[in-house]
Amino acid sequence: MYSSRALVGFCLVVLLACFHSLEAKDVPRVSIKASVPRGKAEHKGTPHPNNRGLDTNRLPLNTAVNVGVTVTISCWINSTTFDPRIQWTEYAYNPNGGLISDAGFILPGHPQNARYSLIRTDPLQHDLVISDVRLADGGVYECEDTNAPASVRQRGAAQLVVINGQQNCTSTMPDTGGTMEGQYYTTECILDYGGNLIPNLRWTGPPPFGQAQSNTGNRCWSGMSFYSDRTMQQQNWESTVNFTGYFLPPPVDMASNIPTYESVYFTPRIDVRWPPKGMYATPIEAEYQVGDVIECFADAFPTASFEWHNLRTNERIDGSLLTIRSQWVNFNQTLRCQATNTIDQLPYSNDFTIPVNVVPPPTTPTTTPPPTTTTPPAVSSCLNLAGRWESLAPLRASMCIEINATNGRIHGVLRNASDTFWVDLVGLTNTDNYDHATFTGIWPENRAVSSLIGECSRCHGVENLVVSAISRSKGGPPCATPGTIYYSQEYEFFRNPSISCPPITIPDFAFE
């Protein structure tokens, strides 16, 4: 009785004989012939067993590739002298083994035969080439010299692992990398693959963070999580796909090498922000005198702006520095410092309150008159527009102004919080009357010239500068459609001496 393998071999011989009898145009096939080198006669007689079968030093190796490439799996024999007969078998589509080729021919009956080919760049070399690799191609591929005696017959089997391109990752962290300190964020990646060796997805990056991996079928999932911390500022995490040596021992005849493969996914660089916290003020005293200065601090990023509020008189003072006023003498009052910053276009604030008891300065009976208290009028004109101003609505903006007291010329700069540039301002105000001004700016993008008008008033000693603007965008060529006219909302500015401004000078030739 013949064995099943011998019976299959016999059927293949008959099938191949039929193929040879057909015309090439009817049966597509790949034929590789190895010629005997000149000057060397074919060996006759009984061959030495060690010269038969596959070269055990160059058996097929495990390989990992991306979808869509062309991959070559190599197999070498010891000698061509003894009429070798090489067969390639795949276990990717047929778990029991599907014959791909026999004796240098790709078998036309295999459903993937159009993507298989054989390459012989050396008489001892029998390479299988798979083009346009698909996920389903992942699996075991085996070569065998079926003419070698059973005592020396060696099968060479290797894993082909096919990776479906880049990892597909989603994250609760914004694409810009912006995060809020102390909040929890996750990133999850999915990788599809074909084959029996499992890829390893490993995360590296700023600690502390957690990571995990699981595998279901031919899909790998990996996850990374962290609580945003300022120590992670401008850093990112990497998810690396490769292989490790920790997979199960390979079966008999299976290659044991670790495939060389690496693919990396980078998260956005993290931009950690936090609202005002850790507020305090200094100095804290039991009693204060007129002219004493209290400064408010807050831990915030972006940097916070400050406003003091006297809860007794309802007075508001911009900036982190508070100077004790004469009208507070002989009163106990509570002062609240409010720190505010903007994160992702949303305002965040925090408060810190202190009791303030203002006492009169020490007096002598003969020379010092009793202290007097004055209350600023409810409404009065501003004394001078020069200085540093900040608006929080409708958008945050900063403005710095210098005024020539002789001729009322204005030179200043203006910047929206969303812009990285300052707009140069020039204008005029009434000499010795600084509560009303007009100025012009050149907008650097597409708005061309903007004209602005500002009016300043004092309410209970607090200066308030209201500015409105009108501008026209640049239109088409001459005689074409004019640009669009823009009207701004009213900007309400308050003084903020902590604003950092570029140098401002009033040129002598201004308006001449």
Protein backbone atom coordinates (compact mmCIF):
# COMPACT_ATOMS: atom_id res chain seq x y z
CA MET A 1 0.00 0.00 0.00
CA TYR A 2 1.21 3.50 -0.81
CA SER A 3 1.34 6.17 1.87
CA SER A 4 -0.89 9.24 1.45
CA ARG A 5 2.15 11.43 0.73
CA ALA A 6 3.43 9.00 -1.92
CA LEU A 7 -0.03 8.86 -3.48
CA VAL A 8 -0.18 12.68 -3.61
CA GLY A 9 3.29 12.75 -5.17
CA PHE A 10 2.26 10.24 -7.82
CA CYS A 11 -0.84 12.29 -8.68
CA LEU A 12 1.25 15.39 -8.98
CA VAL A 13 3.65 13.66 -11.38
CA VAL A 14 0.72 12.66 -13.58
CA LEU A 15 -0.73 16.17 -13.33
CA LEU A 16 2.57 17.79 -14.28
CA ALA A 17 2.91 15.47 -17.27
CA CYS A 18 -0.47 16.69 -18.44
CA PHE A 19 0.60 20.31 -17.97
CA HIS A 20 3.69 19.75 -20.13
CA SER A 21 1.50 18.46 -22.93
CA LEU A 22 -0.61 21.66 -23.04
CA GLU A 23 0.31 24.83 -24.85
CA ALA A 24 1.75 27.68 -22.72
CA LYS A 25 -1.03 30.05 -23.72
CA ASP A 26 -3.65 27.73 -22.21
CA VAL A 27 -2.00 27.05 -18.82
CA PRO A 28 -0.19 29.92 -17.00
CA ARG A 29 2.83 28.62 -15.12
CA VAL A 30 6.24 29.59 -13.83
CA SER A 31 9.10 27.31 -14.75
CA ILE A 32 12.59 27.51 -13.30
CA LYS A 33 15.34 25.25 -14.64
CA ALA A 34 18.77 24.87 -13.10
CA SER A 35 21.55 23.96 -15.55
CA VAL A 36 24.63 21.97 -14.58
CA PRO A 37 27.70 24.28 -14.51
CA ARG A 38 30.12 23.69 -17.36
CA GLY A 39 33.10 21.56 -16.54
CA LYS A 40 31.23 19.63 -13.92
CA ALA A 41 29.73 16.26 -14.71
CA GLU A 42 26.63 14.99 -12.98
CA HIS A 43 27.44 12.67 -10.13
CA LYS A 44 26.64 9.04 -10.90
CA GLY A 45 26.39 6.20 -8.49
CA THR A 46 25.17 6.16 -4.93
CA PRO A 47 25.19 9.73 -3.49
CA HIS A 48 26.51 10.51 -0.05
CA PRO A 49 23.50 11.15 2.21
CA ASN A 50 24.95 14.41 3.64
CA ASN A 51 24.79 15.99 0.18
CA ARG A 52 21.07 15.41 -0.23
CA GLY A 53 18.07 17.55 0.82
CA LEU A 54 17.95 21.10 2.18
CA ASP A 55 20.85 23.19 3.42
CA THR A 56 20.11 23.31 7.15
CA ASN A 57 22.18 26.47 7.56
CA ARG A 58 19.93 28.41 5.15
CA LEU A 59 16.41 27.28 5.91
CA PRO A 60 13.46 29.76 5.63
CA LEU A 61 13.33 32.40 8.36
CA ASN A 62 10.41 34.04 10.16
CA THR A 63 9.54 37.35 8.47
CA ALA A 64 7.30 40.31 9.31
CA VAL A 65 6.18 42.81 6.64
CA ASN A 66 3.52 45.45 5.96
CA VAL A 67 0.44 44.86 3.82
CA GLY A 68 0.97 45.52 0.11
CA VAL A 69 4.69 44.78 -0.17
CA THR A 70 6.42 41.93 -1.99
CA VAL A 71 8.14 39.39 0.24
CA THR A 72 10.66 36.66 -0.56
CA ILE A 73 11.02 33.48 1.51
CA SER A 74 14.30 31.70 0.80
CA CYS A 75 15.08 27.99 0.74
CA TRP A 76 18.44 26.41 -0.25
CA ILE A 77 19.50 22.86 -1.08
CA ASN A 78 22.87 21.18 -0.62
CA SER A 79 23.43 20.04 -4.20
CA THR A 80 21.80 19.91 -7.63
CA THR A 81 23.60 16.69 -8.52
CA PHE A 82 21.00 14.32 -7.18
CA ASP A 83 17.89 15.55 -9.01
CA PRO A 84 16.23 17.52 -6.16
CA ARG A 85 12.51 18.12 -6.27
CA ILE A 86 11.45 21.16 -4.23
CA GLN A 87 7.88 21.70 -3.11
CA TRP A 88 6.46 24.81 -1.40
CA THR A 89 3.42 24.40 0.88
CA GLU A 90 1.40 27.09 2.66
CA TYR A 91 -0.64 26.76 5.86
CA ALA A 92 -2.15 30.25 5.76
CA TYR A 93 -5.20 29.48 3.60
CA ASN A 94 -5.27 25.72 4.19
CA PRO A 95 -4.60 24.62 7.79
CA ASN A 96 -3.82 21.13 6.50
CA GLY A 97 -1.35 22.46 3.95
CA GLY A 98 -1.96 23.79 0.45
CA LEU A 99 0.65 22.87 -2.19
CA ILE A 100 1.96 25.97 -3.99
CA SER A 101 4.66 24.60 -6.27
CA ASP A 102 6.34 21.40 -7.37
CA ALA A 103 9.63 20.89 -9.26
CA GLY A 104 9.96 24.55 -10.25
CA PHE A 105 6.30 25.10 -11.30
CA ILE A 106 3.60 27.18 -9.59
CA LEU A 107 0.49 25.02 -9.50
CA PRO A 108 -2.41 26.73 -11.26
CA GLY A 109 -5.01 25.18 -8.98
CA HIS A 110 -4.07 27.30 -5.95
CA PRO A 111 -6.48 30.28 -5.59
CA GLN A 112 -3.56 32.67 -4.90
CA ASN A 113 -1.30 31.39 -7.70
CA ALA A 114 -1.31 34.73 -9.56
CA ARG A 115 0.59 36.34 -6.67
CA TYR A 116 3.09 33.48 -6.24
CA SER A 117 6.31 33.14 -8.21
CA LEU A 118 9.64 31.31 -7.93
CA ILE A 119 13.09 32.88 -8.22
CA ARG A 120 16.36 31.02 -8.90
CA THR A 121 19.36 33.37 -8.81
CA ASP A 122 21.56 30.44 -7.81
CA PRO A 123 21.27 26.72 -8.80
CA LEU A 124 20.97 25.86 -5.11
CA GLN A 125 18.38 28.56 -4.37
CA HIS A 126 14.62 27.99 -4.45
CA ASP A 127 12.88 31.22 -3.32
CA LEU A 128 9.13 31.73 -3.03
CA VAL A 129 7.97 35.27 -3.85
CA ILE A 130 4.55 36.61 -2.73
CA SER A 131 3.50 39.92 -4.26
CA ASP A 132 0.91 42.41 -2.98
CA VAL A 133 0.92 40.76 0.44
CA ARG A 134 -2.44 40.57 2.25
CA LEU A 135 -3.38 39.97 5.87
CA ALA A 136 -4.68 36.52 4.93
CA ASP A 137 -1.18 35.60 3.66
CA GLY A 138 0.06 35.49 7.26
CA GLY A 139 0.92 31.95 8.32
CA VAL A 140 3.43 29.10 7.86
CA TYR A 141 5.28 28.44 4.59
CA GLU A 142 7.29 25.25 4.15
CA CYS A 143 9.78 24.01 1.56
CA GLU A 144 10.88 20.36 1.16
CA ASP A 145 13.04 18.28 -1.17
CA THR A 146 10.69 15.34 -1.81
CA ASN A 147 13.42 13.38 -3.68
CA ALA A 148 15.73 13.31 -0.68
CA PRO A 149 15.85 10.00 1.22
CA ALA A 150 13.71 9.84 4.31
CA SER A 151 16.81 9.57 6.51
CA VAL A 152 18.07 13.03 5.47
CA ARG A 153 14.82 14.69 4.44
CA GLN A 154 14.52 18.09 6.04
CA ARG A 155 11.54 20.42 5.99
CA GLY A 156 12.10 24.13 6.34
CA ALA A 157 9.11 26.06 7.75
CA ALA A 158 8.81 29.75 8.65
CA GLN A 159 6.17 32.18 9.80
CA LEU A 160 5.12 35.09 7.61
CA VAL A 161 3.53 37.81 9.76
CA VAL A 162 1.68 40.55 7.87
CA ILE A 163 1.08 43.87 9.66
CA ASN A 164 -1.84 46.04 8.55
CA GLY A 165 0.16 49.27 8.28
CA GLN A 166 0.20 51.91 11.02
CA GLN A 167 -1.56 51.55 14.34
CA ASN A 168 -5.08 52.99 14.50
CA CYS A 169 -5.01 55.16 17.63
CA THR A 170 -7.61 57.29 19.41
CA SER A 171 -7.09 59.49 22.46
CA THR A 172 -9.05 61.56 24.94
CA MET A 173 -6.18 64.03 24.74
CA PRO A 174 -6.83 66.83 22.20
CA ASP A 175 -4.89 66.75 18.92
CA THR A 176 -3.13 69.94 20.02
CA GLY A 177 -1.78 68.18 23.11
CA GLY A 178 -3.53 70.63 25.44
CA THR A 179 -4.32 69.05 28.82
CA MET A 180 -5.48 70.25 32.23
CA GLU A 181 -3.20 69.36 35.13
CA GLY A 182 -4.64 66.61 37.30
CA GLN A 183 -7.11 65.30 34.72
CA TYR A 184 -7.07 61.69 33.45
CA TYR A 185 -6.33 60.93 29.77
CA THR A 186 -6.10 57.72 27.73
CA THR A 187 -4.77 56.66 24.33
CA GLU A 188 -5.78 53.35 22.70
CA CYS A 189 -4.23 51.72 19.63
CA ILE A 190 -5.44 48.79 17.53
CA LEU A 191 -3.22 46.80 15.17
CA ASP A 192 -4.50 44.06 12.82
CA TYR A 193 -2.10 41.39 11.63
CA GLY A 194 -1.98 37.99 9.95
CA GLY A 195 0.12 35.08 11.20
CA ASN A 196 0.77 33.14 14.38
CA LEU A 197 3.50 35.26 16.00
CA ILE A 198 1.97 38.02 18.13
CA PRO A 199 3.39 41.54 17.72
CA ASN A 200 4.40 43.40 20.87
CA LEU A 201 3.05 46.95 21.44
CA ARG A 202 5.11 48.79 24.04
CA TRP A 203 4.69 52.37 25.33
CA THR A 204 7.54 54.63 26.40
CA GLY A 205 7.41 58.23 27.58
CA PRO A 206 7.36 60.52 30.63
CA PRO A 207 6.36 58.71 33.84
CA PRO A 208 4.12 57.96 35.55
CA PHE A 209 1.73 56.25 33.16
CA GLY A 210 -0.03 52.90 32.86
CA GLN A 211 -0.11 50.56 29.89
CA ALA A 212 -1.73 47.26 28.89
CA GLN A 213 -1.97 44.93 25.86
CA SER A 214 -4.43 42.24 24.85
CA ASN A 215 -4.84 40.04 21.77
CA THR A 216 -8.05 38.70 20.27
CA GLY A 217 -7.74 36.62 17.14
CA ASN A 218 -5.47 38.56 14.82
CA ARG A 219 -5.97 41.95 16.48
CA CYS A 220 -3.70 43.57 19.05
CA TRP A 221 -5.01 46.24 21.43
CA SER A 222 -2.77 48.43 23.57
CA GLY A 223 -3.67 51.25 25.91
CA MET A 224 -1.84 53.99 27.79
CA SER A 225 -3.23 56.25 30.54
CA PHE A 226 -1.90 59.09 32.67
CA TYR A 227 -2.85 61.96 34.94
CA SER A 228 -1.59 65.19 33.41
CA ASP A 229 1.25 66.72 35.40
CA ARG A 230 3.37 69.79 34.74
CA THR A 231 6.53 67.65 34.82
CA MET A 232 5.31 66.16 31.50
CA GLN A 233 5.34 69.58 29.76
CA GLN A 234 6.30 69.38 26.04
CA GLN A 235 6.93 65.62 26.16
CA ASN A 236 5.12 62.80 24.35
CA TRP A 237 4.67 59.03 24.38
CA GLU A 238 5.65 56.46 21.75
CA SER A 239 3.91 53.17 20.95
CA THR A 240 6.41 50.81 19.30
CA VAL A 241 5.40 47.65 17.41
CA ASN A 242 8.00 44.87 17.24
CA PHE A 243 8.47 41.23 18.23
CA THR A 244 10.00 39.63 21.31
CA GLY A 245 11.44 36.20 21.99
CA TYR A 246 8.71 35.28 24.45
CA PHE A 247 6.40 33.43 22.07
CA LEU A 248 5.93 29.70 22.54
CA PRO A 249 8.70 27.32 21.42
CA PRO A 250 8.32 26.67 17.68
CA PRO A 251 7.21 23.25 16.41
CA VAL A 252 9.65 20.84 14.81
CA ASP A 253 11.18 22.22 11.56
CA MET A 254 9.92 25.73 12.41
CA ALA A 255 12.34 28.67 12.30
CA SER A 256 13.05 30.17 15.72
CA ASN A 257 14.42 33.58 14.76
CA ILE A 258 12.66 36.77 15.92
CA PRO A 259 11.42 38.82 12.94
CA THR A 260 13.07 42.20 12.50
CA TYR A 261 10.25 44.76 12.42
CA GLU A 262 9.50 48.11 14.01
CA SER A 263 6.78 50.74 13.62
CA VAL A 264 6.32 53.72 15.94
CA TYR A 265 3.28 55.91 16.69
CA PHE A 266 3.87 59.26 18.42
CA THR A 267 1.26 61.06 20.51
CA PRO A 268 1.11 64.87 20.30
CA ARG A 269 3.49 66.75 22.57
CA ILE A 270 1.64 67.48 25.78
CA ASP A 271 0.86 71.09 26.68
CA VAL A 272 -0.03 71.10 30.37
CA ARG A 273 -2.09 74.02 31.71
CA TRP A 274 -3.66 74.72 35.05
CA PRO A 275 -6.05 77.31 36.48
CA PRO A 276 -5.02 79.63 39.36
CA LYS A 277 -4.35 77.88 42.63
CA GLY A 278 -2.06 78.15 45.65
CA MET A 279 -2.96 81.82 46.08
CA TYR A 280 -1.42 84.01 48.77
CA ALA A 281 -0.66 87.67 49.47
CA THR A 282 2.21 89.42 51.22
CA PRO A 283 2.72 91.10 53.58
CA ILE A 284 -0.08 90.04 55.93
CA GLU A 285 -0.26 92.52 58.79
CA ALA A 286 -2.61 93.22 61.67
CA GLU A 287 -2.68 96.91 60.67
CA TYR A 288 -1.87 98.82 57.49
CA GLN A 289 -1.16 102.47 56.79
CA VAL A 290 -1.86 104.58 53.72
CA GLY A 291 0.73 103.87 51.02
CA ASP A 292 1.46 100.29 52.15
CA VAL A 293 1.54 97.85 49.21
CA ILE A 294 0.14 94.31 49.25
CA GLU A 295 1.00 91.93 46.40
CA CYS A 296 -1.11 88.95 45.34
CA PHE A 297 0.35 85.73 43.88
CA ALA A 298 -1.11 82.64 42.18
CA ASP A 299 0.28 79.45 40.68
CA ALA A 300 -1.22 79.45 37.15
CA PHE A 301 -0.34 78.62 33.55
CA PRO A 302 -0.94 80.58 31.38
CA THR A 303 0.01 83.44 33.69
CA ALA A 304 -2.95 84.85 35.56
CA SER A 305 -4.17 88.45 35.63
CA PHE A 306 -5.25 89.95 38.96
CA GLU A 307 -7.98 92.21 40.30
CA TRP A 308 -8.39 93.45 43.88
CA HIS A 309 -11.92 94.09 45.17
CA ASN A 310 -12.72 96.03 48.34
CA LEU A 311 -15.86 94.27 49.53
CA ARG A 312 -16.76 97.19 51.79
CA THR A 313 -16.57 100.03 49.25
CA ASN A 314 -17.04 97.91 46.10
CA GLU A 315 -13.90 99.49 44.64
CA ARG A 316 -11.95 97.41 42.09
CA ILE A 317 -8.22 97.77 41.41
CA ASP A 318 -6.50 96.04 38.48
CA GLY A 319 -3.18 94.29 38.86
CA SER A 320 -1.48 92.18 41.50
CA LEU A 321 -0.24 95.23 43.49
CA LEU A 322 -2.64 96.94 45.89
CA THR A 323 -1.77 100.30 47.46
CA ILE A 324 -3.63 101.14 50.65
CA ARG A 325 -5.80 104.20 50.06
CA SER A 326 -6.47 107.10 52.38
CA GLN A 327 -10.25 106.64 52.23
CA TRP A 328 -9.85 103.27 53.93
CA VAL A 329 -8.36 104.79 57.11
CA ASN A 330 -10.17 103.89 60.34
CA PHE A 331 -12.06 101.07 58.67
CA ASN A 332 -11.86 97.30 58.86
CA GLN A 333 -12.54 95.86 55.44
CA THR A 334 -12.14 92.63 53.53
CA LEU A 335 -10.09 92.72 50.34
CA ARG A 336 -10.44 89.96 47.80
CA CYS A 337 -7.76 89.19 45.22
CA GLN A 338 -9.10 87.37 42.17
CA ALA A 339 -6.69 85.62 39.76
CA THR A 340 -7.96 84.72 36.27
CA ASN A 341 -6.49 82.94 33.26
CA THR A 342 -7.91 81.48 30.05
CA ILE A 343 -7.53 77.84 28.99
CA ASP A 344 -9.00 76.65 25.68
CA GLN A 345 -10.94 79.91 25.43
CA LEU A 346 -12.60 79.33 28.81
CA PRO A 347 -11.91 81.59 31.83
CA TYR A 348 -10.78 80.08 35.14
CA SER A 349 -10.47 82.04 38.36
CA ASN A 350 -9.71 81.67 42.04
CA ASP A 351 -10.05 84.01 45.02
CA PHE A 352 -8.03 84.87 48.10
CA THR A 353 -9.35 87.22 50.80
CA ILE A 354 -7.59 89.04 53.65
CA PRO A 355 -8.87 91.39 56.38
CA VAL A 356 -7.37 94.87 56.16
CA ASN A 357 -7.47 97.30 59.09
CA VAL A 358 -6.17 100.71 57.96
CA VAL A 359 -4.98 103.00 60.75
CA PRO A 360 -3.99 106.64 60.49
CA PRO A 361 -0.28 107.48 60.43
CA PRO A 362 1.35 108.39 63.74
CA THR A 363 0.77 112.04 64.63
CA THR A 364 2.23 114.62 67.01
CA PRO A 365 -0.04 117.13 68.78
CA THR A 366 1.85 120.19 67.60
CA THR A 367 2.67 119.57 63.95
CA THR A 368 0.39 116.94 62.47
CA PRO A 369 -3.21 117.81 61.66
CA PRO A 370 -5.80 115.11 62.08
CA PRO A 371 -6.17 112.81 59.10
CA THR A 372 -8.89 113.57 56.64
CA THR A 373 -10.71 111.20 54.41
CA THR A 374 -11.84 111.98 50.93
CA THR A 375 -14.00 109.98 48.66
CA PRO A 376 -13.29 110.17 44.93
CA PRO A 377 -16.20 111.45 42.85
CA ALA A 378 -18.44 108.87 41.26
CA VAL A 379 -17.56 110.05 37.73
CA SER A 380 -14.61 112.21 36.58
CA SER A 381 -12.25 112.56 33.66
CA CYS A 382 -9.10 110.46 33.32
CA LEU A 383 -5.91 112.32 34.13
CA ASN A 384 -3.75 110.58 31.54
CA LEU A 385 -4.24 107.76 29.02
CA ALA A 386 -0.55 106.85 29.10
CA GLY A 387 0.25 103.48 30.62
CA ARG A 388 -0.55 99.78 30.33
CA TRP A 389 -4.12 98.58 29.77
CA GLU A 390 -5.81 95.19 29.60
CA SER A 391 -9.26 94.09 28.41
CA LEU A 392 -10.92 90.77 29.23
CA ALA A 393 -14.01 91.14 27.01
CA PRO A 394 -15.13 90.49 24.33
CA LEU A 395 -11.59 89.06 23.88
CA ARG A 396 -8.49 89.46 25.99
CA ALA A 397 -6.29 92.27 24.65
CA SER A 398 -3.28 94.26 25.88
CA MET A 399 -2.46 97.88 24.98
CA CYS A 400 0.44 100.13 25.93
CA ILE A 401 0.24 103.93 25.30
CA GLU A 402 2.74 106.80 25.50
CA ILE A 403 1.57 110.47 25.09
CA ASN A 404 3.57 113.58 24.30
CA ALA A 405 2.18 116.13 26.76
CA THR A 406 3.31 119.03 24.56
CA ASN A 407 1.37 118.23 21.42
CA GLY A 408 -0.92 115.36 22.42
CA ARG A 409 0.65 112.84 20.03
CA ILE A 410 0.02 109.16 20.85
CA HIS A 411 2.23 106.19 20.12
CA GLY A 412 1.32 102.74 21.35
CA VAL A 413 1.00 99.02 20.67
CA LEU A 414 -2.01 96.67 20.80
CA ARG A 415 -2.19 92.88 20.83
CA ASN A 416 -5.04 90.38 21.00
CA ALA A 417 -4.38 87.39 23.23
CA SER A 418 -4.78 85.08 20.23
CA ASP A 419 -2.09 86.91 18.22
CA THR A 420 1.69 86.61 18.49
CA PHE A 421 2.31 90.14 17.18
CA TRP A 422 1.76 93.69 18.39
CA VAL A 423 -0.11 96.22 16.22
CA ASP A 424 1.60 99.62 16.09
CA LEU A 425 -0.71 102.52 17.01
CA VAL A 426 -0.34 106.25 16.27
CA GLY A 427 -2.86 108.95 17.08
CA LEU A 428 -3.76 112.21 18.82
CA THR A 429 -5.51 113.40 21.94
CA ASN A 430 -6.44 116.85 23.17
CA THR A 431 -3.48 118.59 24.80
CA ASP A 432 -3.90 118.65 28.58
CA ASN A 433 -7.18 116.75 28.21
CA TYR A 434 -6.55 113.03 27.99
CA ASP A 435 -9.99 111.53 28.37
CA HIS A 436 -10.62 111.21 24.62
CA ALA A 437 -8.29 109.93 21.86
CA THR A 438 -8.21 108.58 18.32
CA PHE A 439 -5.52 106.38 16.80
CA THR A 440 -4.85 104.17 13.80
CA GLY A 441 -3.20 100.75 13.46
CA ILE A 442 -1.88 98.69 10.58
CA TRP A 443 -3.23 95.13 10.91
CA PRO A 444 -0.52 92.72 9.64
CA GLU A 445 -2.73 90.04 8.12
CA ASN A 446 -5.67 90.89 5.86
CA ARG A 447 -7.43 93.73 7.61
CA ALA A 448 -5.21 96.59 6.36
CA VAL A 449 -5.81 99.86 8.28
CA SER A 450 -7.96 99.96 11.43
CA SER A 451 -9.19 103.20 12.99
CA LEU A 452 -9.90 103.22 16.71
CA ILE A 453 -11.45 105.71 19.11
CA GLY A 454 -11.19 105.57 22.87
CA GLU A 455 -12.94 107.38 25.71
CA CYS A 456 -11.76 107.23 29.29
CA SER A 457 -13.62 107.98 32.52
CA ARG A 458 -13.05 107.48 36.23
CA CYS A 459 -15.64 105.74 38.36
CA HIS A 460 -14.90 105.97 42.07
CA GLY A 461 -11.26 106.48 41.17
CA VAL A 462 -11.09 103.48 38.79
CA GLU A 463 -10.16 104.39 35.23
CA ASN A 464 -12.11 102.72 32.45
CA LEU A 465 -11.03 103.11 28.79
CA VAL A 466 -13.67 102.05 26.22
CA VAL A 467 -12.28 101.48 22.70
CA SER A 468 -14.19 100.80 19.46
CA ALA A 469 -12.66 100.04 16.06
CA ILE A 470 -13.59 100.07 12.40
CA SER A 471 -11.43 98.56 9.63
CA ARG A 472 -11.58 97.59 6.01
CA SER A 473 -9.92 94.49 4.57
CA LYS A 474 -7.80 94.82 1.49
CA GLY A 475 -9.89 94.42 -1.70
CA GLY A 476 -8.96 93.29 -5.20
CA PRO A 477 -6.95 95.20 -7.82
CA PRO A 478 -7.70 98.90 -8.47
CA CYS A 479 -11.26 99.43 -9.71
CA ALA A 480 -12.21 95.95 -8.46
CA THR A 481 -14.45 94.92 -5.54
CA PRO A 482 -13.50 96.88 -2.38
CA GLY A 483 -12.59 95.12 0.84
CA THR A 484 -15.02 94.26 3.64
CA ILE A 485 -15.74 96.73 6.43
CA TYR A 486 -15.44 95.34 9.99
CA TYR A 487 -16.92 96.89 13.15
CA SER A 488 -15.56 95.64 16.45
CA GLN A 489 -17.41 95.21 19.68
CA GLU A 490 -16.57 97.62 22.47
CA TYR A 491 -13.38 96.71 24.35
CA GLU A 492 -13.36 97.77 28.00
CA PHE A 493 -9.79 98.32 29.20
CA PHE A 494 -8.53 98.65 32.78
CA ARG A 495 -5.05 99.49 33.92
CA ASN A 496 -2.67 96.55 34.48
CA PRO A 497 0.90 97.68 35.28
CA SER A 498 2.19 94.09 35.11
CA ILE A 499 1.78 93.84 31.30
CA SER A 500 5.10 93.42 29.49
CA CYS A 501 5.31 95.76 26.46
CA PRO A 502 7.89 96.21 23.71
CA PRO A 503 9.82 99.55 23.69
CA ILE A 504 7.62 102.51 22.65
CA THR A 505 8.96 105.86 21.42
CA ILE A 506 7.17 108.84 19.82
CA PRO A 507 9.10 109.76 16.66
CA ASP A 508 9.74 113.46 16.08
CA PHE A 509 8.28 113.35 12.55
CA ALA A 510 4.92 111.90 13.65
CA PHE A 511 2.02 113.69 11.91
CA GLU A 512 4.28 116.29 10.31
